[in-house]
Amino acid sequence: MKIGNGLPSAFVINTSRGALIDEAALIEALENGTIAGAGLDVQETEPPEENSPLYTMDNVLLTPHMGWKGLETRQRLVSILADNIKKFMEGTPINVVSSL
């Protein structure tokens, strides 16, 4: 997707599984300016190769895949989930994706 000035505006975010993204195609799209950037905490090959171009690209953010590792993170996510369920049951849902 491109915005009014013709610059790419789409970002690829993958925090799921590395194999969901064709890494060679992603690198090509980043190099060609087809997409604006990428945020990844998983890669196609784990651990990623040391010479991966993703390490040196200014429009790529790489982080370790540790979403559920810390106890504090798990506690916070469970609390958010419980609040979401409570609000839904009260008829005032939060974090609504679609109002259809």
PDB file of N, CA and C in Angstrom:
ATOM      1  N   MET A   1       0.837  -1.157   0.000  1.00  0.00           N
ATOM      2  CA  MET A   1       0.000   0.000   0.000  1.00  0.00           C
ATOM      3  C   MET A   1       0.889   1.229   0.000  1.00  0.00           C
ATOM      4  N   LYS A   2       0.531   2.222  -0.782  1.00  0.00           N
ATOM      5  CA  LYS A   2       1.286   3.467  -0.842  1.00  0.00           C
ATOM      6  C   LYS A   2       0.378   4.619  -0.448  1.00  0.00           C
ATOM      7  N   ILE A   3       0.964   5.580   0.252  1.00  0.00           N
ATOM      8  CA  ILE A   3       0.185   6.749   0.656  1.00  0.00           C
ATOM      9  C   ILE A   3       0.294   7.818  -0.414  1.00  0.00           C
ATOM     10  N   GLY A   4      -0.384   8.937  -0.226  1.00  0.00           N
ATOM     11  CA  GLY A   4      -0.481   9.984  -1.233  1.00  0.00           C
ATOM     12  C   GLY A   4       0.823  10.423  -1.867  1.00  0.00           C
ATOM     13  N   ASN A   5       1.915  10.390  -1.119  1.00  0.00           N
ATOM     14  CA  ASN A   5       3.187  10.831  -1.678  1.00  0.00           C
ATOM     15  C   ASN A   5       3.896   9.729  -2.468  1.00  0.00           C
ATOM     16  N   GLY A   6       3.257   8.583  -2.645  1.00  0.00           N
ATOM     17  CA  GLY A   6       3.827   7.493  -3.431  1.00  0.00           C
ATOM     18  C   GLY A   6       4.787   6.600  -2.661  1.00  0.00           C
ATOM     19  N   LEU A   7       5.021   6.894  -1.383  1.00  0.00           N
ATOM     20  CA  LEU A   7       5.925   6.076  -0.586  1.00  0.00           C
ATOM     21  C   LEU A   7       5.180   4.885  -0.005  1.00  0.00           C
ATOM     22  N   PRO A   8       5.861   3.758   0.142  1.00  0.00           N
ATOM     23  CA  PRO A   8       5.185   2.593   0.727  1.00  0.00           C
ATOM     24  C   PRO A   8       4.807   2.880   2.173  1.00  0.00           C
ATOM     25  N   SER A   9       3.663   2.355   2.583  1.00  0.00           N
ATOM     26  CA  SER A   9       3.206   2.581   3.953  1.00  0.00           C
ATOM     27  C   SER A   9       2.944   1.274   4.705  1.00  0.00           C
ATOM     28  N   ALA A  10       3.013   0.150   4.030  1.00  0.00           N
ATOM     29  CA  ALA A  10       2.721  -1.137   4.664  1.00  0.00           C
ATOM     30  C   ALA A  10       3.942  -1.662   5.411  1.00  0.00           C
ATOM     31  N   PHE A  11       3.683  -2.207   6.602  1.00  0.00           N
ATOM     32  CA  PHE A  11       4.715  -2.851   7.399  1.00  0.00           C
ATOM     33  C   PHE A  11       4.315  -4.304   7.620  1.00  0.00           C
ATOM     34  N   VAL A  12       5.258  -5.206   7.505  1.00  0.00           N
ATOM     35  CA  VAL A  12       5.026  -6.616   7.806  1.00  0.00           C
ATOM     36  C   VAL A  12       5.407  -6.831   9.264  1.00  0.00           C
ATOM     37  N   ILE A  13       4.461  -7.352  10.045  1.00  0.00           N
ATOM     38  CA  ILE A  13       4.709  -7.671  11.450  1.00  0.00           C
ATOM     39  C   ILE A  13       4.481  -9.168  11.613  1.00  0.00           C
ATOM     40  N   ASN A  14       5.492  -9.878  12.090  1.00  0.00           N
ATOM     41  CA  ASN A  14       5.333 -11.316  12.319  1.00  0.00           C
ATOM     42  C   ASN A  14       5.849 -11.654  13.710  1.00  0.00           C
ATOM     43  N   THR A  15       4.915 -11.998  14.585  1.00  0.00           N
ATOM     44  CA  THR A  15       5.262 -12.455  15.925  1.00  0.00           C
ATOM     45  C   THR A  15       4.692 -13.851  16.159  1.00  0.00           C
ATOM     46  N   SER A  16       4.443 -14.557  15.073  1.00  0.00           N
ATOM     47  CA  SER A  16       3.788 -15.857  15.138  1.00  0.00           C
ATOM     48  C   SER A  16       4.784 -16.983  14.874  1.00  0.00           C
ATOM     49  N   ARG A  17       4.989 -17.279  13.619  1.00  0.00           N
ATOM     50  CA  ARG A  17       5.909 -18.337  13.205  1.00  0.00           C
ATOM     51  C   ARG A  17       6.728 -17.835  12.022  1.00  0.00           C
ATOM     52  N   GLY A  18       8.018 -18.084  12.042  1.00  0.00           N
ATOM     53  CA  GLY A  18       8.901 -17.606  10.993  1.00  0.00           C
ATOM     54  C   GLY A  18       8.554 -18.138   9.625  1.00  0.00           C
ATOM     55  N   ALA A  19       8.078 -19.371   9.560  1.00  0.00           N
ATOM     56  CA  ALA A  19       7.787 -19.997   8.269  1.00  0.00           C
ATOM     57  C   ALA A  19       6.601 -19.356   7.551  1.00  0.00           C
ATOM     58  N   LEU A  20       5.861 -18.480   8.221  1.00  0.00           N
ATOM     59  CA  LEU A  20       4.737 -17.799   7.566  1.00  0.00           C
ATOM     60  C   LEU A  20       5.213 -16.778   6.539  1.00  0.00           C
ATOM     61  N   ILE A  21       6.450 -16.328   6.657  1.00  0.00           N
ATOM     62  CA  ILE A  21       7.004 -15.302   5.777  1.00  0.00           C
ATOM     63  C   ILE A  21       8.095 -15.902   4.908  1.00  0.00           C
ATOM     64  N   ASP A  22       8.000 -15.689   3.606  1.00  0.00           N
ATOM     65  CA  ASP A  22       9.077 -16.058   2.681  1.00  0.00           C
ATOM     66  C   ASP A  22      10.157 -14.997   2.859  1.00  0.00           C
ATOM     67  N   GLU A  23      11.197 -15.338   3.603  1.00  0.00           N
ATOM     68  CA  GLU A  23      12.201 -14.350   3.985  1.00  0.00           C
ATOM     69  C   GLU A  23      12.924 -13.740   2.794  1.00  0.00           C
ATOM     70  N   ALA A  24      13.216 -14.539   1.780  1.00  0.00           N
ATOM     71  CA  ALA A  24      13.878 -14.005   0.580  1.00  0.00           C
ATOM     72  C   ALA A  24      12.983 -12.973  -0.104  1.00  0.00           C
ATOM     73  N   ALA A  25      11.685 -13.252  -0.184  1.00  0.00           N
ATOM     74  CA  ALA A  25      10.745 -12.297  -0.789  1.00  0.00           C
ATOM     75  C   ALA A  25      10.614 -11.048   0.074  1.00  0.00           C
ATOM     76  N   LEU A  26      10.628 -11.217   1.398  1.00  0.00           N
ATOM     77  CA  LEU A  26      10.558 -10.072   2.306  1.00  0.00           C
ATOM     78  C   LEU A  26      11.772  -9.172   2.122  1.00  0.00           C
ATOM     79  N   ILE A  27      12.951  -9.768   2.074  1.00  0.00           N
ATOM     80  CA  ILE A  27      14.181  -8.987   1.890  1.00  0.00           C
ATOM     81  C   ILE A  27      14.136  -8.238   0.568  1.00  0.00           C
ATOM     82  N   GLU A  28      13.699  -8.909  -0.475  1.00  0.00           N
ATOM     83  CA  GLU A  28      13.588  -8.256  -1.785  1.00  0.00           C
ATOM     84  C   GLU A  28      12.606  -7.085  -1.739  1.00  0.00           C
ATOM     85  N   ALA A  29      11.464  -7.283  -1.107  1.00  0.00           N
ATOM     86  CA  ALA A  29      10.462  -6.213  -1.015  1.00  0.00           C
ATOM     87  C   ALA A  29      10.988  -5.031  -0.202  1.00  0.00           C
ATOM     88  N   LEU A  30      11.749  -5.308   0.842  1.00  0.00           N
ATOM     89  CA  LEU A  30      12.341  -4.241   1.644  1.00  0.00           C
ATOM     90  C   LEU A  30      13.405  -3.484   0.851  1.00  0.00           C
ATOM     91  N   GLU A  31      14.244  -4.231   0.143  1.00  0.00           N
ATOM     92  CA  GLU A  31      15.307  -3.601  -0.662  1.00  0.00           C
ATOM     93  C   GLU A  31      14.739  -2.774  -1.805  1.00  0.00           C
ATOM     94  N   ASN A  32      13.655  -3.245  -2.416  1.00  0.00           N
ATOM     95  CA  ASN A  32      13.044  -2.547  -3.553  1.00  0.00           C
ATOM     96  C   ASN A  32      12.107  -1.424  -3.125  1.00  0.00           C
ATOM     97  N   GLY A  33      11.840  -1.306  -1.845  1.00  0.00           N
ATOM     98  CA  GLY A  33      10.933  -0.276  -1.370  1.00  0.00           C
ATOM     99  C   GLY A  33       9.472  -0.591  -1.624  1.00  0.00           C
ATOM    100  N   THR A  34       9.157  -1.872  -1.870  1.00  0.00           N
ATOM    101  CA  THR A  34       7.774  -2.281  -2.083  1.00  0.00           C
ATOM    102  C   THR A  34       6.969  -2.145  -0.798  1.00  0.00           C
ATOM    103  N   ILE A  35       7.618  -2.395   0.340  1.00  0.00           N
ATOM    104  CA  ILE A  35       6.979  -2.189   1.637  1.00  0.00           C
ATOM    105  C   ILE A  35       7.864  -1.269   2.471  1.00  0.00           C
ATOM    106  N   ALA A  36       7.255  -0.631   3.454  1.00  0.00           N
ATOM    107  CA  ALA A  36       7.975   0.367   4.251  1.00  0.00           C
ATOM    108  C   ALA A  36       8.939  -0.260   5.251  1.00  0.00           C
ATOM    109  N   GLY A  37       8.579  -1.411   5.795  1.00  0.00           N
ATOM    110  CA  GLY A  37       9.455  -2.010   6.790  1.00  0.00           C
ATOM    111  C   GLY A  37       8.889  -3.290   7.348  1.00  0.00           C
ATOM    112  N   ALA A  38       9.606  -3.842   8.330  1.00  0.00           N
ATOM    113  CA  ALA A  38       9.191  -5.096   8.947  1.00  0.00           C
ATOM    114  C   ALA A  38       9.575  -5.099  10.416  1.00  0.00           C
ATOM    115  N   GLY A  39       8.723  -5.722  11.216  1.00  0.00           N
ATOM    116  CA  GLY A  39       8.996  -5.970  12.624  1.00  0.00           C
ATOM    117  C   GLY A  39       8.846  -7.462  12.855  1.00  0.00           C
ATOM    118  N   LEU A  40       9.907  -8.099  13.288  1.00  0.00           N
ATOM    119  CA  LEU A  40       9.913  -9.560  13.403  1.00  0.00           C
ATOM    120  C   LEU A  40      10.489 -10.001  14.739  1.00  0.00           C
ATOM    121  N   ASP A  41       9.852 -10.963  15.369  1.00  0.00           N
ATOM    122  CA  ASP A  41      10.495 -11.610  16.502  1.00  0.00           C
ATOM    123  C   ASP A  41      10.680 -13.103  16.219  1.00  0.00           C
ATOM    124  N   VAL A  42      10.413 -13.477  14.994  1.00  0.00           N
ATOM    125  CA  VAL A  42      10.680 -14.834  14.506  1.00  0.00           C
ATOM    126  C   VAL A  42      11.198 -14.718  13.076  1.00  0.00           C
ATOM    127  N   GLN A  43      12.045 -15.632  12.702  1.00  0.00           N
ATOM    128  CA  GLN A  43      12.550 -15.669  11.340  1.00  0.00           C
ATOM    129  C   GLN A  43      12.342 -17.056  10.752  1.00  0.00           C
ATOM    130  N   GLU A  44      12.492 -17.124   9.433  1.00  0.00           N
ATOM    131  CA  GLU A  44      12.290 -18.389   8.720  1.00  0.00           C
ATOM    132  C   GLU A  44      13.240 -19.460   9.244  1.00  0.00           C
ATOM    133  N   THR A  45      14.479 -19.083   9.517  1.00  0.00           N
ATOM    134  CA  THR A  45      15.479 -19.998  10.064  1.00  0.00           C
ATOM    135  C   THR A  45      15.804 -19.543  11.481  1.00  0.00           C
ATOM    136  N   GLU A  46      15.655 -20.441  12.434  1.00  0.00           N
ATOM    137  CA  GLU A  46      15.964 -20.129  13.832  1.00  0.00           C
ATOM    138  C   GLU A  46      17.099 -21.035  14.307  1.00  0.00           C
ATOM    139  N   PRO A  47      18.165 -20.493  14.850  1.00  0.00           N
ATOM    140  CA  PRO A  47      18.437 -19.067  14.900  1.00  0.00           C
ATOM    141  C   PRO A  47      18.753 -18.535  13.507  1.00  0.00           C
ATOM    142  N   PRO A  48      18.542 -17.243  13.285  1.00  0.00           N
ATOM    143  CA  PRO A  48      18.809 -16.673  11.961  1.00  0.00           C
ATOM    144  C   PRO A  48      20.298 -16.731  11.625  1.00  0.00           C
ATOM    145  N   GLU A  49      20.569 -16.788  10.340  1.00  0.00           N
ATOM    146  CA  GLU A  49      21.966 -16.816   9.905  1.00  0.00           C
ATOM    147  C   GLU A  49      22.633 -15.493  10.269  1.00  0.00           C
ATOM    148  N   GLU A  50      23.892 -15.553  10.668  1.00  0.00           N
ATOM    149  CA  GLU A  50      24.615 -14.357  11.104  1.00  0.00           C
ATOM    150  C   GLU A  50      24.738 -13.296  10.021  1.00  0.00           C
ATOM    151  N   ASN A  51      24.723 -13.699   8.767  1.00  0.00           N
ATOM    152  CA  ASN A  51      24.906 -12.739   7.664  1.00  0.00           C
ATOM    153  C   ASN A  51      23.572 -12.321   7.032  1.00  0.00           C
ATOM    154  N   SER A  52      22.473 -12.523   7.724  1.00  0.00           N
ATOM    155  CA  SER A  52      21.165 -12.150   7.187  1.00  0.00           C
ATOM    156  C   SER A  52      21.105 -10.649   6.925  1.00  0.00           C
ATOM    157  N   PRO A  53      20.658 -10.240   5.739  1.00  0.00           N
ATOM    158  CA  PRO A  53      20.520  -8.808   5.443  1.00  0.00           C
ATOM    159  C   PRO A  53      19.548  -8.098   6.384  1.00  0.00           C
ATOM    160  N   LEU A  54      18.651  -8.850   7.002  1.00  0.00           N
ATOM    161  CA  LEU A  54      17.689  -8.239   7.917  1.00  0.00           C
ATOM    162  C   LEU A  54      18.389  -7.519   9.070  1.00  0.00           C
ATOM    163  N   TYR A  55      19.574  -7.984   9.469  1.00  0.00           N
ATOM    164  CA  TYR A  55      20.313  -7.372  10.565  1.00  0.00           C
ATOM    165  C   TYR A  55      20.789  -5.956  10.254  1.00  0.00           C
ATOM    166  N   THR A  56      20.982  -5.652   8.992  1.00  0.00           N
ATOM    167  CA  THR A  56      21.584  -4.369   8.637  1.00  0.00           C
ATOM    168  C   THR A  56      20.608  -3.392   7.986  1.00  0.00           C
ATOM    169  N   MET A  57      19.355  -3.757   7.871  1.00  0.00           N
ATOM    170  CA  MET A  57      18.373  -2.882   7.226  1.00  0.00           C
ATOM    171  C   MET A  57      17.808  -1.885   8.233  1.00  0.00           C
ATOM    172  N   ASP A  58      17.795  -0.612   7.845  1.00  0.00           N
ATOM    173  CA  ASP A  58      17.286   0.444   8.717  1.00  0.00           C
ATOM    174  C   ASP A  58      15.780   0.356   8.931  1.00  0.00           C
ATOM    175  N   ASN A  59      15.068  -0.295   8.007  1.00  0.00           N
ATOM    176  CA  ASN A  59      13.607  -0.367   8.101  1.00  0.00           C
ATOM    177  C   ASN A  59      13.124  -1.707   8.669  1.00  0.00           C
ATOM    178  N   VAL A  60      13.997  -2.382   9.435  1.00  0.00           N
ATOM    179  CA  VAL A  60      13.648  -3.668  10.045  1.00  0.00           C
ATOM    180  C   VAL A  60      13.946  -3.615  11.537  1.00  0.00           C
ATOM    181  N   LEU A  61      12.995  -4.082  12.323  1.00  0.00           N
ATOM    182  CA  LEU A  61      13.186  -4.198  13.761  1.00  0.00           C
ATOM    183  C   LEU A  61      13.097  -5.674  14.112  1.00  0.00           C
ATOM    184  N   LEU A  62      14.164  -6.216  14.679  1.00  0.00           N
ATOM    185  CA  LEU A  62      14.209  -7.615  15.097  1.00  0.00           C
ATOM    186  C   LEU A  62      14.271  -7.667  16.616  1.00  0.00           C
ATOM    187  N   THR A  63      13.438  -8.499  17.210  1.00  0.00           N
ATOM    188  CA  THR A  63      13.457  -8.688  18.655  1.00  0.00           C
ATOM    189  C   THR A  63      13.407 -10.171  18.950  1.00  0.00           C
ATOM    190  N   PRO A  64      13.847 -10.586  20.125  1.00  0.00           N
ATOM    191  CA  PRO A  64      13.759 -12.009  20.477  1.00  0.00           C
ATOM    192  C   PRO A  64      12.309 -12.422  20.686  1.00  0.00           C
ATOM    193  N   HIS A  65      12.003 -13.651  20.371  1.00  0.00           N
ATOM    194  CA  HIS A  65      10.650 -14.194  20.531  1.00  0.00           C
ATOM    195  C   HIS A  65      10.515 -14.702  21.968  1.00  0.00           C
ATOM    196  N   MET A  66      10.039 -13.823  22.835  1.00  0.00           N
ATOM    197  CA  MET A  66       9.969 -14.166  24.257  1.00  0.00           C
ATOM    198  C   MET A  66       8.634 -13.778  24.861  1.00  0.00           C
ATOM    199  N   GLY A  67       7.582 -13.675  24.053  1.00  0.00           N
ATOM    200  CA  GLY A  67       6.305 -13.158  24.503  1.00  0.00           C
ATOM    201  C   GLY A  67       5.779 -13.741  25.797  1.00  0.00           C
ATOM    202  N   TRP A  68       5.868 -15.032  25.992  1.00  0.00           N
ATOM    203  CA  TRP A  68       5.309 -15.662  27.189  1.00  0.00           C
ATOM    204  C   TRP A  68       6.382 -16.079  28.187  1.00  0.00           C
ATOM    205  N   LYS A  69       7.608 -15.665  27.975  1.00  0.00           N
ATOM    206  CA  LYS A  69       8.690 -16.153  28.829  1.00  0.00           C
ATOM    207  C   LYS A  69       8.607 -15.629  30.263  1.00  0.00           C
ATOM    208  N   GLY A  70       8.400 -14.338  30.429  1.00  0.00           N
ATOM    209  CA  GLY A  70       8.421 -13.760  31.763  1.00  0.00           C
ATOM    210  C   GLY A  70       7.113 -13.944  32.516  1.00  0.00           C
ATOM    211  N   LEU A  71       7.194 -14.215  33.806  1.00  0.00           N
ATOM    212  CA  LEU A  71       6.011 -14.399  34.640  1.00  0.00           C
ATOM    213  C   LEU A  71       5.154 -13.140  34.651  1.00  0.00           C
ATOM    214  N   GLU A  72       5.788 -11.970  34.762  1.00  0.00           N
ATOM    215  CA  GLU A  72       5.045 -10.710  34.794  1.00  0.00           C
ATOM    216  C   GLU A  72       4.238 -10.520  33.509  1.00  0.00           C
ATOM    217  N   THR A  73       4.810 -10.877  32.372  1.00  0.00           N
ATOM    218  CA  THR A  73       4.102 -10.758  31.095  1.00  0.00           C
ATOM    219  C   THR A  73       2.893 -11.681  31.064  1.00  0.00           C
ATOM    220  N   ARG A  74       3.073 -12.911  31.492  1.00  0.00           N
ATOM    221  CA  ARG A  74       1.946 -13.850  31.506  1.00  0.00           C
ATOM    222  C   ARG A  74       0.839 -13.373  32.440  1.00  0.00           C
ATOM    223  N   GLN A  75       1.217 -12.873  33.604  1.00  0.00           N
ATOM    224  CA  GLN A  75       0.217 -12.382  34.553  1.00  0.00           C
ATOM    225  C   GLN A  75      -0.554 -11.199  33.965  1.00  0.00           C
ATOM    226  N   ARG A  76       0.166 -10.284  33.307  1.00  0.00           N
ATOM    227  CA  ARG A  76      -0.479  -9.117  32.711  1.00  0.00           C
ATOM    228  C   ARG A  76      -1.445  -9.527  31.605  1.00  0.00           C
ATOM    229  N   LEU A  77      -1.028 -10.457  30.746  1.00  0.00           N
ATOM    230  CA  LEU A  77      -1.881 -10.895  29.643  1.00  0.00           C
ATOM    231  C   LEU A  77      -3.122 -11.629  30.144  1.00  0.00           C
ATOM    232  N   VAL A  78      -2.973 -12.436  31.177  1.00  0.00           N
ATOM    233  CA  VAL A  78      -4.126 -13.136  31.750  1.00  0.00           C
ATOM    234  C   VAL A  78      -5.082 -12.116  32.373  1.00  0.00           C
ATOM    235  N   SER A  79      -4.557 -11.087  33.008  1.00  0.00           N
ATOM    236  CA  SER A  79      -5.393 -10.039  33.588  1.00  0.00           C
ATOM    237  C   SER A  79      -6.163  -9.292  32.496  1.00  0.00           C
ATOM    238  N   ILE A  80      -5.497  -8.980  31.399  1.00  0.00           N
ATOM    239  CA  ILE A  80      -6.158  -8.311  30.268  1.00  0.00           C
ATOM    240  C   ILE A  80      -7.254  -9.207  29.701  1.00  0.00           C
ATOM    241  N   LEU A  81      -6.961 -10.485  29.537  1.00  0.00           N
ATOM    242  CA  LEU A  81      -7.945 -11.433  29.033  1.00  0.00           C
ATOM    243  C   LEU A  81      -9.163 -11.503  29.959  1.00  0.00           C
ATOM    244  N   ALA A  82      -8.929 -11.589  31.259  1.00  0.00           N
ATOM    245  CA  ALA A  82     -10.042 -11.649  32.217  1.00  0.00           C
ATOM    246  C   ALA A  82     -10.886 -10.383  32.140  1.00  0.00           C
ATOM    247  N   ASP A  83     -10.242  -9.225  32.023  1.00  0.00           N
ATOM    248  CA  ASP A  83     -10.978  -7.965  31.920  1.00  0.00           C
ATOM    249  C   ASP A  83     -11.799  -7.929  30.629  1.00  0.00           C
ATOM    250  N   ASN A  84     -11.224  -8.417  29.533  1.00  0.00           N
ATOM    251  CA  ASN A  84     -11.959  -8.474  28.265  1.00  0.00           C
ATOM    252  C   ASN A  84     -13.211  -9.336  28.397  1.00  0.00           C
ATOM    253  N   ILE A  85     -13.092 -10.487  29.025  1.00  0.00           N
ATOM    254  CA  ILE A  85     -14.243 -11.392  29.197  1.00  0.00           C
ATOM    255  C   ILE A  85     -15.290 -10.732  30.091  1.00  0.00           C
ATOM    256  N   LYS A  86     -14.853 -10.139  31.192  1.00  0.00           N
ATOM    257  CA  LYS A  86     -15.777  -9.474  32.118  1.00  0.00           C
ATOM    258  C   LYS A  86     -16.549  -8.370  31.403  1.00  0.00           C
ATOM    259  N   LYS A  87     -15.854  -7.520  30.654  1.00  0.00           N
ATOM    260  CA  LYS A  87     -16.511  -6.415  29.949  1.00  0.00           C
ATOM    261  C   LYS A  87     -17.475  -6.941  28.882  1.00  0.00           C
ATOM    262  N   PHE A  88     -17.112  -8.016  28.211  1.00  0.00           N
ATOM    263  CA  PHE A  88     -17.998  -8.614  27.215  1.00  0.00           C
ATOM    264  C   PHE A  88     -19.281  -9.106  27.881  1.00  0.00           C
ATOM    265  N   MET A  89     -19.133  -9.790  29.006  1.00  0.00           N
ATOM    266  CA  MET A  89     -20.297 -10.320  29.715  1.00  0.00           C
ATOM    267  C   MET A  89     -21.193  -9.196  30.244  1.00  0.00           C
ATOM    268  N   GLU A  90     -20.612  -8.027  30.519  1.00  0.00           N
ATOM    269  CA  GLU A  90     -21.370  -6.878  30.995  1.00  0.00           C
ATOM    270  C   GLU A  90     -22.019  -6.105  29.854  1.00  0.00           C
ATOM    271  N   GLY A  91     -21.720  -6.499  28.613  1.00  0.00           N
ATOM    272  CA  GLY A  91     -22.285  -5.829  27.461  1.00  0.00           C
ATOM    273  C   GLY A  91     -21.515  -4.599  27.014  1.00  0.00           C
ATOM    274  N   THR A  92     -20.321  -4.436  27.528  1.00  0.00           N
ATOM    275  CA  THR A  92     -19.464  -3.305  27.138  1.00  0.00           C
ATOM    276  C   THR A  92     -18.092  -3.819  26.720  1.00  0.00           C
ATOM    277  N   PRO A  93     -18.059  -4.563  25.603  1.00  0.00           N
ATOM    278  CA  PRO A  93     -16.795  -5.168  25.181  1.00  0.00           C
ATOM    279  C   PRO A  93     -15.720  -4.106  24.886  1.00  0.00           C
ATOM    280  N   ILE A  94     -14.482  -4.501  25.142  1.00  0.00           N
ATOM    281  CA  ILE A  94     -13.340  -3.663  24.824  1.00  0.00           C
ATOM    282  C   ILE A  94     -12.476  -4.398  23.811  1.00  0.00           C
ATOM    283  N   ASN A  95     -11.583  -3.689  23.184  1.00  0.00           N
ATOM    284  CA  ASN A  95     -10.703  -4.268  22.158  1.00  0.00           C
ATOM    285  C   ASN A  95     -11.513  -4.906  21.033  1.00  0.00           C
ATOM    286  N   VAL A  96     -12.573  -4.242  20.608  1.00  0.00           N
ATOM    287  CA  VAL A  96     -13.440  -4.749  19.554  1.00  0.00           C
ATOM    288  C   VAL A  96     -12.745  -4.542  18.202  1.00  0.00           C
ATOM    289  N   VAL A  97     -12.636  -5.597  17.416  1.00  0.00           N
ATOM    290  CA  VAL A  97     -12.009  -5.516  16.106  1.00  0.00           C
ATOM    291  C   VAL A  97     -13.016  -5.081  15.053  1.00  0.00           C
ATOM    292  N   SER A  98     -14.234  -5.570  15.148  1.00  0.00           N
ATOM    293  CA  SER A  98     -15.268  -5.254  14.158  1.00  0.00           C
ATOM    294  C   SER A  98     -16.592  -5.071  14.870  1.00  0.00           C
ATOM    295  N   SER A  99     -17.362  -4.088  14.417  1.00  0.00           N
ATOM    296  CA  SER A  99     -18.658  -3.864  15.026  1.00  0.00           C
ATOM    297  C   SER A  99     -19.786  -4.458  14.200  1.00  0.00           C
ATOM    298  N   LEU A 100     -19.478  -5.347  13.265  1.00  0.00           N
ATOM    299  CA  LEU A 100     -20.503  -5.952  12.420  1.00  0.00           C
ATOM    300  C   LEU A 100     -21.361  -6.916  13.191  1.00  0.00           C
TER     301      LEU A 100
END
